[in-house]
């Protein structure tokens, strides 16, 4: 495999992850009207709240998994570029991927998903103040 082959494969994975992320954004967006309707309705049963909560928790897991997969992909290609660098020269941007530290992006991903799920669940489970 050449460096160009690795970049082409990485682009294909990145496009796939981008589509998965857009699907996740749609699922997150659909959770907000659910939470709003549940919050505004006085006669919502506990089972409806539980089902909506399960939906939002699943969306949060899917979102975090997708974001984590993007970072895992960078880690995998870091290994590929590292192996390539042992036998030939690689570009500076490939070296940046080898040196990439995913600690901060992983933390930010967790905070992002936590904030989404918090907004969903607070909206669903808060009591109406009328």
N, C-alpha and C. Protein backbone atom coordinates (compact mmCIF):
# COMPACT_ATOMS: atom_id res chain seq x y z
N UNK A 1 0.85 -1.17 0.00
CA UNK A 1 0.00 0.00 0.00
C UNK A 1 0.90 1.24 0.00
N UNK A 2 0.52 2.19 -0.81
CA UNK A 2 1.27 3.44 -0.86
C UNK A 2 0.56 4.47 0.03
N UNK A 3 1.23 5.59 0.24
CA UNK A 3 0.63 6.65 1.02
C UNK A 3 -0.64 7.17 0.34
N UNK A 4 -0.60 7.28 -0.97
CA UNK A 4 -1.77 7.74 -1.72
C UNK A 4 -2.94 6.77 -1.56
N UNK A 5 -2.66 5.46 -1.57
CA UNK A 5 -3.73 4.47 -1.35
C UNK A 5 -4.35 4.65 0.04
N UNK A 6 -3.50 4.90 1.03
CA UNK A 6 -4.00 5.09 2.39
C UNK A 6 -4.89 6.33 2.46
N UNK A 7 -4.47 7.41 1.80
CA UNK A 7 -5.28 8.63 1.81
C UNK A 7 -6.61 8.42 1.10
N UNK A 8 -6.62 7.66 0.02
CA UNK A 8 -7.85 7.38 -0.70
C UNK A 8 -8.80 6.56 0.17
N UNK A 9 -8.27 5.56 0.84
CA UNK A 9 -9.08 4.74 1.73
C UNK A 9 -9.60 5.56 2.91
N UNK A 10 -8.77 6.42 3.43
CA UNK A 10 -9.18 7.29 4.54
C UNK A 10 -10.30 8.23 4.11
N UNK A 11 -10.23 8.74 2.91
CA UNK A 11 -11.29 9.62 2.39
C UNK A 11 -12.61 8.87 2.29
N UNK A 12 -12.57 7.62 1.86
CA UNK A 12 -13.79 6.83 1.76
C UNK A 12 -14.41 6.61 3.14
N UNK A 13 -13.58 6.28 4.12
CA UNK A 13 -14.08 6.11 5.48
C UNK A 13 -14.63 7.42 6.04
N UNK A 14 -13.98 8.51 5.75
CA UNK A 14 -14.43 9.80 6.25
C UNK A 14 -15.79 10.17 5.66
N UNK A 15 -15.98 9.91 4.37
CA UNK A 15 -17.29 10.17 3.75
C UNK A 15 -18.38 9.33 4.39
N UNK A 16 -18.08 8.07 4.66
CA UNK A 16 -19.05 7.19 5.31
C UNK A 16 -19.40 7.71 6.70
N UNK A 17 -18.39 8.12 7.46
CA UNK A 17 -18.64 8.64 8.80
C UNK A 17 -19.44 9.94 8.75
N UNK A 18 -19.21 10.76 7.74
CA UNK A 18 -19.95 12.01 7.61
C UNK A 18 -21.44 11.73 7.38
N UNK A 19 -21.76 10.76 6.56
CA UNK A 19 -23.16 10.40 6.34
C UNK A 19 -23.79 9.84 7.61
N UNK A 20 -23.05 9.03 8.34
CA UNK A 20 -23.54 8.49 9.61
C UNK A 20 -23.80 9.64 10.59
N UNK A 21 -22.91 10.61 10.62
CA UNK A 21 -23.08 11.77 11.51
C UNK A 21 -24.32 12.56 11.13
N UNK A 22 -24.56 12.76 9.85
CA UNK A 22 -25.78 13.48 9.43
C UNK A 22 -27.03 12.73 9.86
N UNK A 23 -27.01 11.42 9.77
CA UNK A 23 -28.14 10.62 10.26
C UNK A 23 -28.33 10.80 11.75
N UNK A 24 -27.23 10.85 12.48
CA UNK A 24 -27.31 11.07 13.92
C UNK A 24 -27.88 12.45 14.25
N UNK A 25 -27.46 13.44 13.50
CA UNK A 25 -27.99 14.80 13.72
C UNK A 25 -29.50 14.81 13.49
N UNK A 26 -29.97 14.12 12.47
CA UNK A 26 -31.41 14.04 12.22
C UNK A 26 -32.11 13.36 13.39
N UNK A 27 -31.54 12.28 13.90
CA UNK A 27 -32.14 11.57 15.04
C UNK A 27 -32.16 12.45 16.29
N UNK A 28 -31.10 13.22 16.51
CA UNK A 28 -31.06 14.15 17.65
C UNK A 28 -32.14 15.21 17.48
N UNK A 29 -32.23 15.76 16.29
CA UNK A 29 -33.23 16.80 16.03
C UNK A 29 -34.64 16.27 16.26
N UNK A 30 -34.91 15.03 15.88
CA UNK A 30 -36.24 14.45 16.08
C UNK A 30 -36.55 14.25 17.56
N UNK A 31 -35.53 14.15 18.40
CA UNK A 31 -35.75 14.00 19.83
C UNK A 31 -36.25 15.27 20.49
N UNK A 32 -35.87 16.41 19.96
CA UNK A 32 -36.28 17.68 20.59
C UNK A 32 -37.79 17.93 20.48
N UNK A 33 -38.43 17.73 19.33
CA UNK A 33 -39.89 17.90 19.32
C UNK A 33 -40.61 16.90 20.22
N UNK A 34 -40.07 15.67 20.30
CA UNK A 34 -40.66 14.69 21.21
C UNK A 34 -40.61 15.20 22.65
N UNK A 35 -39.45 15.67 23.05
CA UNK A 35 -39.28 16.18 24.42
C UNK A 35 -40.19 17.37 24.66
N UNK A 36 -40.31 18.23 23.67
CA UNK A 36 -41.15 19.42 23.82
C UNK A 36 -42.62 19.04 23.97
N UNK A 37 -43.09 18.13 23.13
CA UNK A 37 -44.50 17.71 23.21
C UNK A 37 -44.81 17.01 24.53
N UNK A 38 -43.86 16.18 24.98
CA UNK A 38 -44.06 15.49 26.26
C UNK A 38 -44.10 16.49 27.39
N UNK A 39 -43.22 17.46 27.35
CA UNK A 39 -43.16 18.47 28.40
C UNK A 39 -44.42 19.33 28.45
N UNK A 40 -44.96 19.66 27.28
CA UNK A 40 -46.13 20.53 27.21
C UNK A 40 -47.44 19.81 27.52
N UNK A 41 -47.46 18.50 27.38
CA UNK A 41 -48.68 17.75 27.62
C UNK A 41 -48.78 17.37 29.09
N UNK A 42 -49.94 17.64 29.67
CA UNK A 42 -50.13 17.33 31.09
C UNK A 42 -50.52 15.86 31.30
N UNK A 43 -51.03 15.21 30.29
CA UNK A 43 -51.53 13.85 30.46
C UNK A 43 -50.61 12.78 29.84
N UNK A 44 -49.34 13.07 29.74
CA UNK A 44 -48.39 12.10 29.20
C UNK A 44 -48.16 11.00 30.23
N UNK A 45 -48.27 9.77 29.78
CA UNK A 45 -48.08 8.64 30.69
C UNK A 45 -46.59 8.36 30.88
N UNK A 46 -46.30 7.63 31.93
CA UNK A 46 -44.91 7.28 32.24
C UNK A 46 -44.30 6.40 31.14
N UNK A 47 -45.11 5.55 30.54
CA UNK A 47 -44.59 4.66 29.50
C UNK A 47 -44.14 5.46 28.28
N UNK A 48 -44.86 6.51 27.95
CA UNK A 48 -44.46 7.36 26.82
C UNK A 48 -43.14 8.05 27.15
N UNK A 49 -43.01 8.54 28.37
CA UNK A 49 -41.75 9.18 28.78
C UNK A 49 -40.60 8.17 28.75
N UNK A 50 -40.86 6.95 29.21
CA UNK A 50 -39.81 5.92 29.20
C UNK A 50 -39.40 5.55 27.78
N UNK A 51 -40.37 5.41 26.89
CA UNK A 51 -40.05 5.09 25.49
C UNK A 51 -39.25 6.21 24.83
N UNK A 52 -39.67 7.43 25.08
CA UNK A 52 -38.93 8.57 24.52
C UNK A 52 -37.53 8.66 25.13
N UNK A 53 -37.42 8.35 26.40
CA UNK A 53 -36.10 8.34 27.05
C UNK A 53 -35.21 7.28 26.43
N UNK A 54 -35.78 6.09 26.18
CA UNK A 54 -34.99 5.03 25.53
C UNK A 54 -34.53 5.48 24.15
N UNK A 55 -35.42 6.13 23.40
CA UNK A 55 -35.05 6.63 22.08
C UNK A 55 -33.87 7.60 22.19
N UNK A 56 -33.97 8.55 23.11
CA UNK A 56 -32.92 9.55 23.25
C UNK A 56 -31.61 8.94 23.73
N UNK A 57 -31.69 7.95 24.61
CA UNK A 57 -30.47 7.28 25.06
C UNK A 57 -29.82 6.50 23.92
N UNK A 58 -30.63 5.84 23.10
CA UNK A 58 -30.10 5.13 21.94
C UNK A 58 -29.42 6.10 20.97
N UNK A 59 -30.06 7.22 20.73
CA UNK A 59 -29.48 8.23 19.85
C UNK A 59 -28.15 8.71 20.41
N UNK A 60 -28.09 8.90 21.72
CA UNK A 60 -26.83 9.35 22.35
C UNK A 60 -25.73 8.30 22.17
N UNK A 61 -26.09 7.04 22.34
CA UNK A 61 -25.10 5.97 22.15
C UNK A 61 -24.64 5.93 20.69
N UNK A 62 -25.59 6.03 19.76
CA UNK A 62 -25.22 6.02 18.34
C UNK A 62 -24.31 7.20 18.00
N UNK A 63 -24.64 8.37 18.54
CA UNK A 63 -23.86 9.57 18.27
C UNK A 63 -22.44 9.43 18.83
N UNK A 64 -22.33 8.98 20.07
CA UNK A 64 -21.01 8.84 20.67
C UNK A 64 -20.19 7.77 19.95
N UNK A 65 -20.85 6.68 19.55
CA UNK A 65 -20.16 5.62 18.82
C UNK A 65 -19.64 6.15 17.49
N UNK A 66 -20.46 6.90 16.78
CA UNK A 66 -20.02 7.45 15.49
C UNK A 66 -18.86 8.42 15.65
N UNK A 67 -18.94 9.27 16.65
CA UNK A 67 -17.85 10.21 16.88
C UNK A 67 -16.58 9.48 17.31
N UNK A 68 -16.74 8.45 18.13
CA UNK A 68 -15.58 7.67 18.56
C UNK A 68 -14.98 6.89 17.40
N UNK A 69 -15.83 6.41 16.50
CA UNK A 69 -15.33 5.69 15.33
C UNK A 69 -14.46 6.59 14.45
N UNK A 70 -14.82 7.85 14.37
CA UNK A 70 -14.01 8.79 13.59
C UNK A 70 -12.61 8.92 14.18
N UNK A 71 -12.54 8.99 15.50
CA UNK A 71 -11.24 9.07 16.15
C UNK A 71 -10.48 7.75 16.05
N UNK A 72 -11.20 6.64 16.13
CA UNK A 72 -10.56 5.33 15.98
C UNK A 72 -9.99 5.17 14.57
N UNK A 73 -10.73 5.71 13.58
CA UNK A 73 -10.23 5.67 12.20
C UNK A 73 -8.91 6.42 12.09
N UNK A 74 -8.83 7.59 12.72
CA UNK A 74 -7.57 8.34 12.70
C UNK A 74 -6.45 7.55 13.37
N UNK A 75 -6.78 6.87 14.45
CA UNK A 75 -5.79 6.04 15.13
C UNK A 75 -5.33 4.89 14.24
N UNK A 76 -6.27 4.27 13.52
CA UNK A 76 -5.91 3.18 12.60
C UNK A 76 -5.01 3.68 11.48
N UNK A 77 -5.36 4.81 10.90
CA UNK A 77 -4.53 5.33 9.82
C UNK A 77 -3.21 5.88 10.34
N UNK A 78 -3.18 6.27 11.59
CA UNK A 78 -1.92 6.64 12.20
C UNK A 78 -0.96 5.46 12.17
N UNK A 79 -1.48 4.28 12.48
CA UNK A 79 -0.66 3.07 12.43
C UNK A 79 -0.20 2.79 11.00
N UNK A 80 -1.12 2.94 10.03
CA UNK A 80 -0.77 2.69 8.62
C UNK A 80 0.35 3.63 8.19
N UNK A 81 0.20 4.91 8.49
CA UNK A 81 1.24 5.87 8.10
C UNK A 81 2.54 5.62 8.84
N UNK A 82 2.44 5.18 10.08
CA UNK A 82 3.64 4.85 10.85
C UNK A 82 4.39 3.69 10.21
N UNK A 83 3.66 2.68 9.77
CA UNK A 83 4.29 1.53 9.10
C UNK A 83 4.90 1.95 7.76
N UNK A 84 4.19 2.81 7.04
CA UNK A 84 4.72 3.29 5.77
C UNK A 84 6.01 4.09 5.97
N UNK A 85 6.06 4.84 7.05
CA UNK A 85 7.23 5.69 7.29
C UNK A 85 8.48 4.87 7.59
N UNK A 86 8.31 3.62 7.96
CA UNK A 86 9.45 2.76 8.24
C UNK A 86 10.20 2.35 6.98
N UNK A 87 9.48 2.35 5.85
CA UNK A 87 10.09 1.89 4.60
C UNK A 87 10.31 2.99 3.57
N UNK A 88 9.66 4.11 3.74
CA UNK A 88 9.78 5.22 2.78
C UNK A 88 9.42 6.53 3.46
N UNK A 89 9.70 7.60 2.82
CA UNK A 89 9.35 8.91 3.35
C UNK A 89 7.85 9.15 3.21
N UNK A 90 7.30 9.89 4.16
CA UNK A 90 5.88 10.23 4.09
C UNK A 90 5.75 11.74 4.16
N UNK A 91 4.57 12.22 3.78
CA UNK A 91 4.32 13.66 3.76
C UNK A 91 4.19 14.20 5.18
N UNK A 92 4.39 15.51 5.33
CA UNK A 92 4.25 16.12 6.67
C UNK A 92 2.84 15.95 7.27
N UNK A 93 1.81 15.99 6.44
CA UNK A 93 0.46 15.84 6.97
C UNK A 93 0.23 14.41 7.47
N UNK A 94 0.84 13.44 6.83
CA UNK A 94 0.76 12.06 7.32
C UNK A 94 1.47 11.93 8.66
N UNK A 95 2.56 12.65 8.81
CA UNK A 95 3.27 12.65 10.09
C UNK A 95 2.42 13.30 11.17
N UNK A 96 1.64 14.31 10.82
CA UNK A 96 0.74 14.93 11.80
C UNK A 96 -0.31 13.94 12.29
N UNK A 97 -0.78 13.09 11.39
CA UNK A 97 -1.76 12.08 11.80
C UNK A 97 -1.11 11.07 12.73
N UNK A 98 0.15 10.72 12.47
CA UNK A 98 0.87 9.82 13.37
C UNK A 98 0.98 10.44 14.75
N UNK A 99 1.23 11.74 14.82
CA UNK A 99 1.44 12.43 16.09
C UNK A 99 0.14 12.86 16.79
N UNK A 100 -1.01 12.63 16.15
CA UNK A 100 -2.30 13.10 16.66
C UNK A 100 -2.62 12.47 18.03
N UNK A 101 -3.03 13.31 18.98
CA UNK A 101 -3.46 12.86 20.30
C UNK A 101 -4.97 13.08 20.41
N UNK A 102 -5.73 12.02 20.62
CA UNK A 102 -7.19 12.10 20.60
C UNK A 102 -7.80 12.38 21.97
N UNK A 103 -7.00 12.73 22.96
CA UNK A 103 -7.52 12.93 24.31
C UNK A 103 -8.56 14.05 24.37
N UNK A 104 -8.21 15.21 23.87
CA UNK A 104 -9.13 16.35 23.93
C UNK A 104 -10.36 16.11 23.05
N UNK A 105 -10.22 15.66 21.79
CA UNK A 105 -11.44 15.39 21.01
C UNK A 105 -12.35 14.35 21.65
N UNK A 106 -11.80 13.35 22.30
CA UNK A 106 -12.63 12.34 22.96
C UNK A 106 -13.42 12.97 24.10
N UNK A 107 -12.79 13.84 24.86
CA UNK A 107 -13.47 14.53 25.96
C UNK A 107 -14.56 15.45 25.42
N UNK A 108 -14.25 16.18 24.37
CA UNK A 108 -15.23 17.08 23.77
C UNK A 108 -16.41 16.29 23.21
N UNK A 109 -16.15 15.16 22.57
CA UNK A 109 -17.24 14.31 22.07
C UNK A 109 -18.15 13.88 23.20
N UNK A 110 -17.57 13.46 24.31
CA UNK A 110 -18.36 13.05 25.46
C UNK A 110 -19.21 14.18 26.01
N UNK A 111 -18.63 15.36 26.14
CA UNK A 111 -19.38 16.52 26.63
C UNK A 111 -20.51 16.90 25.66
N UNK A 112 -20.22 16.84 24.37
CA UNK A 112 -21.22 17.17 23.36
C UNK A 112 -22.43 16.23 23.45
N UNK A 113 -22.16 14.94 23.51
CA UNK A 113 -23.25 13.96 23.58
C UNK A 113 -23.98 14.08 24.91
N UNK A 114 -23.25 14.30 26.00
CA UNK A 114 -23.89 14.47 27.30
C UNK A 114 -24.82 15.69 27.30
N UNK A 115 -24.40 16.78 26.68
CA UNK A 115 -25.25 17.96 26.65
C UNK A 115 -26.52 17.71 25.84
N UNK A 116 -26.40 16.96 24.76
CA UNK A 116 -27.59 16.64 23.96
C UNK A 116 -28.57 15.81 24.78
N UNK A 117 -28.06 14.76 25.41
CA UNK A 117 -28.96 13.89 26.18
C UNK A 117 -29.54 14.64 27.37
N UNK A 118 -28.77 15.53 27.96
CA UNK A 118 -29.30 16.32 29.08
C UNK A 118 -30.44 17.22 28.63
N UNK A 119 -30.27 17.89 27.49
CA UNK A 119 -31.36 18.73 26.96
C UNK A 119 -32.60 17.91 26.66
N UNK A 120 -32.42 16.74 26.07
CA UNK A 120 -33.56 15.88 25.79
C UNK A 120 -34.28 15.47 27.07
N UNK A 121 -33.52 14.93 28.00
CA UNK A 121 -34.15 14.36 29.20
C UNK A 121 -34.72 15.42 30.13
N UNK A 122 -34.04 16.54 30.26
CA UNK A 122 -34.58 17.62 31.09
C UNK A 122 -35.89 18.12 30.49
N UNK A 123 -35.91 18.24 29.15
CA UNK A 123 -37.13 18.67 28.49
C UNK A 123 -38.28 17.71 28.70
N UNK A 124 -37.98 16.42 28.75
CA UNK A 124 -39.04 15.43 28.90
C UNK A 124 -39.53 15.28 30.32
N UNK A 125 -38.63 15.30 31.27
CA UNK A 125 -38.97 14.94 32.64
C UNK A 125 -39.23 16.15 33.54
N UNK A 126 -39.03 17.35 33.06
CA UNK A 126 -39.33 18.50 33.92
C UNK A 126 -40.84 18.62 34.09
N UNK A 127 -41.24 19.19 35.19
CA UNK A 127 -42.68 19.37 35.43
C UNK A 127 -43.09 20.72 34.87
N UNK A 128 -44.27 20.77 34.33
CA UNK A 128 -44.78 22.00 33.76
C UNK A 128 -45.05 23.01 34.88
N UNK A 129 -44.66 24.25 34.66
CA UNK A 129 -44.83 25.29 35.69
C UNK A 129 -45.97 26.22 35.35
N UNK A 130 -47.17 25.66 35.35
CA UNK A 130 -48.36 26.47 35.07
C UNK A 130 -49.26 26.49 36.27
